[in-house]
Protein backbone atom coordinates (compact mmCIF):
# COMPACT_ATOMS: atom_id res chain seq x y z
CA MET A 1 0.00 0.00 0.00
CA ALA A 2 1.14 3.57 -0.70
CA GLU A 3 2.39 5.47 2.32
CA LYS A 4 -0.13 7.91 3.74
CA PRO A 5 0.78 11.51 2.87
CA ARG A 6 2.24 13.82 5.49
CA LEU A 7 0.01 16.89 5.88
CA ALA A 8 0.72 20.08 7.82
CA PHE A 9 -2.15 21.50 9.88
CA THR A 10 -1.96 25.22 10.59
CA SER A 11 -3.39 26.82 13.71
CA GLY A 12 -5.38 29.55 12.02
CA ASP A 13 -6.08 32.51 14.26
CA PRO A 14 -5.55 31.28 17.84
CA ALA A 15 -8.28 33.61 19.13
CA GLY A 16 -10.75 31.60 17.06
CA ILE A 17 -11.69 27.94 16.79
CA GLY A 18 -8.81 26.84 14.55
CA PRO A 19 -6.64 25.03 17.10
CA GLU A 20 -9.73 23.50 18.75
CA ILE A 21 -11.11 21.94 15.56
CA VAL A 22 -7.70 20.58 14.57
CA VAL A 23 -7.27 18.94 17.98
CA LYS A 24 -10.82 17.52 17.89
CA ALA A 25 -10.21 16.15 14.40
CA LEU A 26 -6.96 14.54 15.53
CA ARG A 27 -8.69 12.96 18.52
CA SER A 28 -11.45 11.55 16.31
CA GLY A 29 -9.04 9.08 14.72
CA ARG A 30 -10.20 9.96 11.21
CA ILE A 31 -7.12 12.06 10.47
CA ALA A 32 -4.71 9.24 11.23
CA ARG A 33 -6.62 6.97 8.86
CA VAL A 34 -5.90 9.17 5.84
CA CYS A 35 -2.61 10.97 6.53
CA ARG A 36 0.38 11.51 8.80
CA PRO A 37 -0.36 14.86 10.46
CA VAL A 38 2.00 17.50 11.78
CA VAL A 39 0.77 20.66 13.49
CA VAL A 40 2.47 24.00 12.87
CA GLY A 41 2.49 27.06 15.11
CA GLU A 42 3.12 28.28 18.65
CA LYS A 43 3.40 25.34 21.05
CA LEU A 44 1.82 27.24 23.95
CA LEU A 45 -1.28 28.01 21.88
CA TRP A 46 -1.58 24.43 20.65
CA ARG A 47 -1.27 23.13 24.22
CA ARG A 48 -4.03 25.46 25.34
CA ALA A 49 -6.32 23.84 22.75
CA GLY A 50 -5.52 20.37 24.11
CA TRP A 51 -2.73 19.28 21.77
CA THR A 52 -0.32 16.67 23.14
CA PRO A 53 2.67 15.13 21.35
CA ASP A 54 0.94 11.77 21.01
CA LEU A 55 -1.65 13.37 18.68
CA ALA A 56 0.87 14.70 16.14
CA PRO A 57 4.40 16.07 16.02
CA ILE A 58 4.81 19.84 15.99
CA VAL A 59 6.85 22.32 13.97
CA GLU A 60 7.13 25.41 16.13
CA THR A 61 7.06 28.96 14.83
CA ARG A 62 8.85 30.28 17.94
CA LEU A 63 7.42 33.80 17.94
CA GLY A 64 7.54 33.85 21.71
CA LEU A 65 3.86 34.66 22.16
CA ARG A 66 2.72 34.05 25.72
CA SER A 67 -1.04 34.01 25.25
CA ALA A 68 -3.99 34.92 23.05
CA ARG A 69 -7.41 35.64 24.49
CA CYS A 70 -10.15 33.54 22.92
CA GLY A 71 -12.66 35.61 20.98
CA ALA A 72 -10.45 38.70 20.54
CA THR A 73 -8.12 38.97 17.57
CA ASP A 74 -5.27 41.44 17.51
CA LYS A 75 -1.91 41.96 15.85
CA ASN A 76 -0.35 39.12 17.83
CA THR A 77 -2.97 36.58 16.78
CA GLY A 78 -2.48 37.82 13.23
CA ARG A 79 1.28 37.28 13.54
CA ALA A 80 0.71 33.80 14.93
CA SER A 81 -1.69 32.68 12.20
CA PHE A 82 0.45 34.10 9.40
CA ALA A 83 3.62 32.51 10.78
CA SER A 84 1.83 29.17 11.00
CA LEU A 85 0.72 29.40 7.37
CA ASP A 86 4.04 30.65 6.01
CA THR A 87 6.01 28.00 7.88
CA ALA A 88 3.69 25.22 6.72
CA ALA A 89 3.81 26.42 3.10
CA ARG A 90 7.60 26.47 3.17
CA LEU A 91 7.59 22.92 4.51
CA ALA A 92 5.46 21.98 1.50
CA GLY A 93 7.79 23.90 -0.82
CA ARG A 94 10.69 21.78 0.47
CA LYS A 95 8.54 18.65 0.09
CA ALA A 96 8.77 17.96 3.82
CA VAL A 97 4.96 17.67 3.67
CA ARG A 98 2.68 16.88 0.74
CA GLY A 99 0.07 19.49 1.50
CA LEU A 100 -1.57 21.90 3.92
CA VAL A 101 -4.83 21.84 5.83
CA THR A 102 -5.29 25.43 6.95
CA ALA A 103 -7.50 26.53 9.84
CA PRO A 104 -9.47 29.80 9.53
CA ILE A 105 -7.72 33.16 9.78
CA SER A 106 -8.90 36.67 10.65
CA LYS A 107 -8.31 39.15 7.85
CA LYS A 108 -8.62 41.95 10.41
CA ALA A 109 -5.84 40.41 12.51
CA TRP A 110 -3.57 39.97 9.48
CA LYS A 111 -4.06 43.63 8.64
CA ALA A 112 -3.32 44.65 12.25
CA ALA A 113 -0.14 42.58 12.14
CA GLY A 114 1.01 44.31 8.96
CA VAL A 115 0.67 41.22 6.77
CA ALA A 116 0.84 42.30 3.16
CA TYR A 117 -1.82 39.87 1.93
CA PRO A 118 -5.55 39.99 2.71
CA ASP A 119 -6.11 36.23 2.76
CA HIS A 120 -4.69 32.79 2.01
CA THR A 121 -5.32 32.89 -1.73
CA GLU A 122 -3.64 36.24 -2.29
CA TYR A 123 -0.67 35.05 -0.19
CA PHE A 124 -0.27 32.02 -2.44
CA ARG A 125 -0.67 34.08 -5.59
CA ALA A 126 1.97 36.60 -4.55
CA VAL A 127 4.56 34.67 -2.53
CA TRP A 128 4.43 31.50 -4.59
CA ARG A 129 4.03 33.42 -7.86
CA ARG A 130 0.90 31.56 -8.86
CA PRO A 131 -1.42 34.16 -10.42
CA GLU A 132 -3.69 31.38 -11.69
CA ALA A 133 -4.39 30.08 -8.16
CA HIS A 134 -8.14 29.89 -7.58
CA MET A 135 -10.59 29.14 -4.77
CA ILE A 136 -12.78 26.10 -5.34
CA LEU A 137 -15.57 25.97 -2.76
CA ALA A 138 -17.09 22.55 -2.48
CA SER A 139 -18.85 19.82 -0.57
CA PRO A 140 -17.00 16.67 -1.63
CA ARG A 141 -19.46 14.39 0.18
CA ARG A 142 -22.40 15.90 -1.71
CA ASN A 143 -20.43 16.20 -4.97
CA LEU A 144 -20.92 19.98 -5.18
CA TRP A 145 -18.12 22.02 -6.78
CA SER A 146 -17.93 25.75 -7.47
CA ILE A 147 -15.20 28.23 -8.27
CA LEU A 148 -15.06 31.99 -7.75
CA ALA A 149 -14.36 34.45 -10.55
CA THR A 150 -13.90 37.16 -7.87
CA ARG A 151 -13.00 36.53 -4.26
CA HIS A 152 -13.04 38.64 -1.10
CA ILE A 153 -14.23 41.98 -2.43
CA PRO A 154 -17.25 44.16 -1.61
CA LEU A 155 -20.37 43.16 -3.51
CA ALA A 156 -20.65 46.65 -5.00
CA GLU A 157 -17.31 46.15 -6.76
CA VAL A 158 -18.16 42.83 -8.41
CA PRO A 159 -19.56 44.14 -11.74
CA SER A 160 -16.55 46.37 -12.37
CA ARG A 161 -14.05 43.66 -11.39
CA LEU A 162 -15.47 40.98 -13.66
CA ASP A 163 -13.85 40.43 -17.03
CA SER A 164 -13.59 37.69 -19.61
CA ALA A 165 -10.06 36.72 -18.59
CA ALA A 166 -11.11 36.07 -14.97
CA ILE A 167 -14.09 33.98 -16.05
CA LEU A 168 -12.04 31.93 -18.51
CA SER A 169 -9.28 31.40 -15.96
CA ALA A 170 -11.81 30.18 -13.40
CA ALA A 171 -13.51 27.86 -15.91
CA ARG A 172 -10.18 26.34 -16.96
CA ALA A 173 -9.17 25.81 -13.34
CA LEU A 174 -12.44 24.13 -12.37
CA SER A 175 -12.46 21.93 -15.46
CA GLY A 176 -8.89 20.83 -14.78
CA ALA A 177 -9.59 20.19 -11.10
CA LEU A 178 -12.62 18.01 -11.82
CA THR A 179 -10.69 16.15 -14.51
CA LEU A 180 -7.95 15.41 -11.97
CA LEU A 181 -10.28 14.46 -9.14
CA LYS A 182 -13.03 12.60 -10.99
CA ASN A 183 -11.30 11.62 -14.24
CA GLU A 184 -13.92 13.53 -16.21
CA LYS A 185 -12.58 14.30 -19.67
CA ARG A 186 -14.77 17.36 -20.31
CA PRO A 187 -16.80 18.26 -17.20
CA ARG A 188 -20.11 20.00 -17.78
CA LEU A 189 -19.85 23.45 -16.19
CA GLY A 190 -22.40 26.20 -15.73
CA LEU A 191 -21.67 29.92 -15.58
CA CYS A 192 -23.90 31.67 -13.05
CA ALA A 193 -25.49 34.90 -14.20
CA LEU A 194 -24.87 38.10 -12.29
CA ASN A 195 -28.38 39.57 -12.46
CA PRO A 196 -31.80 38.10 -11.63
CA HIS A 197 -33.25 36.02 -14.49
CA ALA A 198 -29.87 36.30 -16.27
CA GLY A 199 -30.64 39.95 -17.00
CA GLU A 200 -34.06 39.29 -18.56
CA ASP A 201 -32.76 40.13 -22.06
CA GLY A 202 -31.09 43.30 -20.81
CA ILE A 203 -34.02 44.65 -18.79
CA LEU A 204 -32.48 43.68 -15.44
CA GLY A 205 -28.85 44.24 -16.39
CA ARG A 206 -26.60 44.04 -19.42
CA GLU A 207 -23.63 42.11 -18.02
CA GLU A 208 -25.00 38.82 -19.34
CA LYS A 209 -25.13 40.06 -22.93
CA ALA A 210 -22.07 42.26 -22.85
CA LEU A 211 -19.66 40.05 -20.90
CA LEU A 212 -20.89 36.65 -19.75
CA ALA A 213 -22.34 35.23 -22.99
CA PRO A 214 -19.20 36.17 -24.99
CA ALA A 215 -17.05 34.59 -22.27
CA VAL A 216 -19.00 31.34 -22.63
CA LYS A 217 -18.42 31.36 -26.39
CA SER A 218 -14.70 31.93 -25.85
CA ALA A 219 -14.56 29.07 -23.34
CA ARG A 220 -16.25 26.69 -25.74
CA ARG A 221 -13.80 27.63 -28.49
CA LEU A 222 -11.05 26.61 -26.07
CA GLY A 223 -12.66 23.18 -25.64
CA LEU A 224 -14.37 23.78 -22.30
CA ASP A 225 -17.94 22.61 -21.82
CA LEU A 226 -19.16 25.85 -20.22
CA ARG A 227 -22.87 26.63 -20.46
CA GLY A 228 -24.82 29.78 -19.69
CA PRO A 229 -25.05 32.33 -18.36
CA ILE A 230 -27.70 30.61 -16.26
CA PRO A 231 -29.73 32.31 -13.50
CA ALA A 232 -27.86 31.40 -10.35
CA ASP A 233 -30.84 29.80 -8.62
CA SER A 234 -31.46 27.54 -11.62
CA ALA A 235 -27.74 26.78 -12.00
CA TRP A 236 -27.57 25.45 -8.45
CA ARG A 237 -30.65 23.30 -9.02
CA LEU A 238 -29.06 21.81 -12.15
CA HIS A 239 -25.85 21.18 -10.24
CA THR A 240 -27.51 19.46 -7.29
CA LYS A 241 -29.34 17.22 -9.80
CA GLY A 242 -26.03 16.25 -11.42
CA ILE A 243 -26.92 17.81 -14.78
CA LEU A 244 -24.01 20.21 -14.34
CA GLU A 245 -20.83 18.89 -12.70
CA GLY A 246 -19.53 22.24 -11.47
CA LEU A 247 -20.35 25.95 -11.40
CA VAL A 248 -18.39 29.10 -12.15
CA THR A 249 -19.77 31.63 -9.67
CA LEU A 250 -19.15 35.35 -9.85
CA TYR A 251 -18.80 36.35 -6.21
CA HIS A 252 -18.31 34.89 -2.75
CA ASP A 253 -21.88 34.46 -1.52
CA GLN A 254 -23.19 33.21 -4.85
CA ALA A 255 -21.26 30.05 -4.05
CA LEU A 256 -21.36 29.83 -0.28
CA ILE A 257 -25.03 30.51 0.43
CA ALA A 258 -26.08 27.55 -1.68
CA LEU A 259 -23.27 25.31 -0.45
CA LYS A 260 -23.94 25.94 3.22
CA ALA A 261 -27.68 25.52 2.74
CA CYS A 262 -27.02 22.13 1.14
CA ALA A 263 -24.10 20.85 3.19
CA GLY A 264 -23.86 22.83 6.42
CA LEU A 265 -20.35 22.87 7.85
CA GLU A 266 -18.97 20.19 5.53
CA ILE A 267 -17.69 22.81 3.09
CA VAL A 268 -14.09 23.08 1.96
CA ASN A 269 -11.96 25.68 0.24
CA TRP A 270 -9.49 24.02 -2.14
CA THR A 271 -6.80 26.24 -3.67
CA VAL A 272 -5.95 24.95 -7.14
CA GLY A 273 -2.95 26.01 -9.20
CA LEU A 274 -0.31 25.53 -6.46
CA PRO A 275 2.75 23.25 -6.46
CA PHE A 276 1.28 21.47 -3.43
CA VAL A 277 -2.15 20.63 -2.02
CA ARG A 278 -3.95 23.18 0.14
CA VAL A 279 -7.46 22.70 1.55
CA SER A 280 -9.27 24.55 4.33
CA PRO A 281 -12.66 24.30 6.00
CA GLY A 282 -15.12 26.66 4.35
CA HIS A 283 -16.03 28.61 7.49
CA GLY A 284 -14.50 31.37 9.55
CA THR A 285 -12.92 31.82 12.96
CA ALA A 286 -16.22 31.69 14.92
CA LEU A 287 -14.92 34.05 17.57
CA ASP A 288 -18.23 33.92 19.42
CA ILE A 289 -17.76 30.27 20.43
CA ALA A 290 -13.96 30.14 20.64
CA GLY A 291 -12.68 28.56 23.85
CA LYS A 292 -16.09 27.13 24.75
CA ASN A 293 -15.56 23.59 23.42
CA ARG A 294 -18.53 24.00 21.07
CA ALA A 295 -16.77 24.05 17.70
CA ASP A 296 -17.69 21.35 15.18
CA PRO A 297 -14.68 19.87 13.32
CA ALA A 298 -16.75 18.62 10.35
CA GLY A 299 -15.28 21.13 7.91
CA LEU A 300 -11.72 20.47 9.06
CA LEU A 301 -12.24 16.72 8.70
CA ALA A 302 -13.68 17.17 5.20
CA ALA A 303 -10.69 19.35 4.28
CA ALA A 304 -8.18 16.79 5.54
CA GLU A 305 -9.88 13.92 3.74
CA LEU A 306 -9.98 15.85 0.46
CA ALA A 307 -6.32 16.87 0.87
CA ALA A 308 -5.33 13.22 1.37
CA THR A 309 -7.35 12.18 -1.69
CA LEU A 310 -5.68 14.86 -3.81
CA CYS A 311 -2.23 13.73 -2.68
CA ALA A 312 -3.07 10.29 -4.03
CA SER A 313 -4.45 11.58 -7.36
């Protein structure tokens, strides 16, 4: 049998639920069945969450942080979460681990710490020089797969930030990812419309005619089976029925509202286009329940299981 892949688990923001869900996942026994885990970060913060050496070895970041109050992010929690990510990614770059399972971060804390990147994806794009890195948001258990043409930006900016190149890049990335994961030669993809009723022939918006329909034609000329633009509500119905195998969505909530309604916490964020595997649970830091032993590790477990599957692909 092939050796189980070694995966690095980051702490995420230690003021949130990241360390707790990693420790709960390790204690469940499911992690050890699919990979050889190593945790990365400040030892004191991992110990506070219940980590012990018998659960997984540790790679320490050695920032010298003494504590972090649960539920309150600040520049020190931002430093800790970024150091955990950067250290884990460099382990992957040296092939000391096959991939990363990253716990949730606080963008506010990264900004307070002076981190130059707003989130994981932009870090990977810049530091690892992977401009084609994309966020796939998915529920592997329910076979739901979507990709974002724009990421963490205000909703009001979405129309002006959309362009044909971004849509084509996202469609190529999703098609390639599904081909890798499911051995589908030409996955059937849908492009979600921006406006209600796909613009209603221009009455409710012109983006579908001016931008999205031409992008679909360009994608099909490139050999991609991209269909649409389809009203987003109908596109998700077609996807859940299996008629479409994946969706190109135009903004954050167009993907995540439907995914979380269908699959709850078992949502993952898979970054494609990197030289190593990176998967994260598809939820945030949950500061309101941090330190209360209430966090559900379902998303972290789903992320680890997908990461292990991708390492074997």
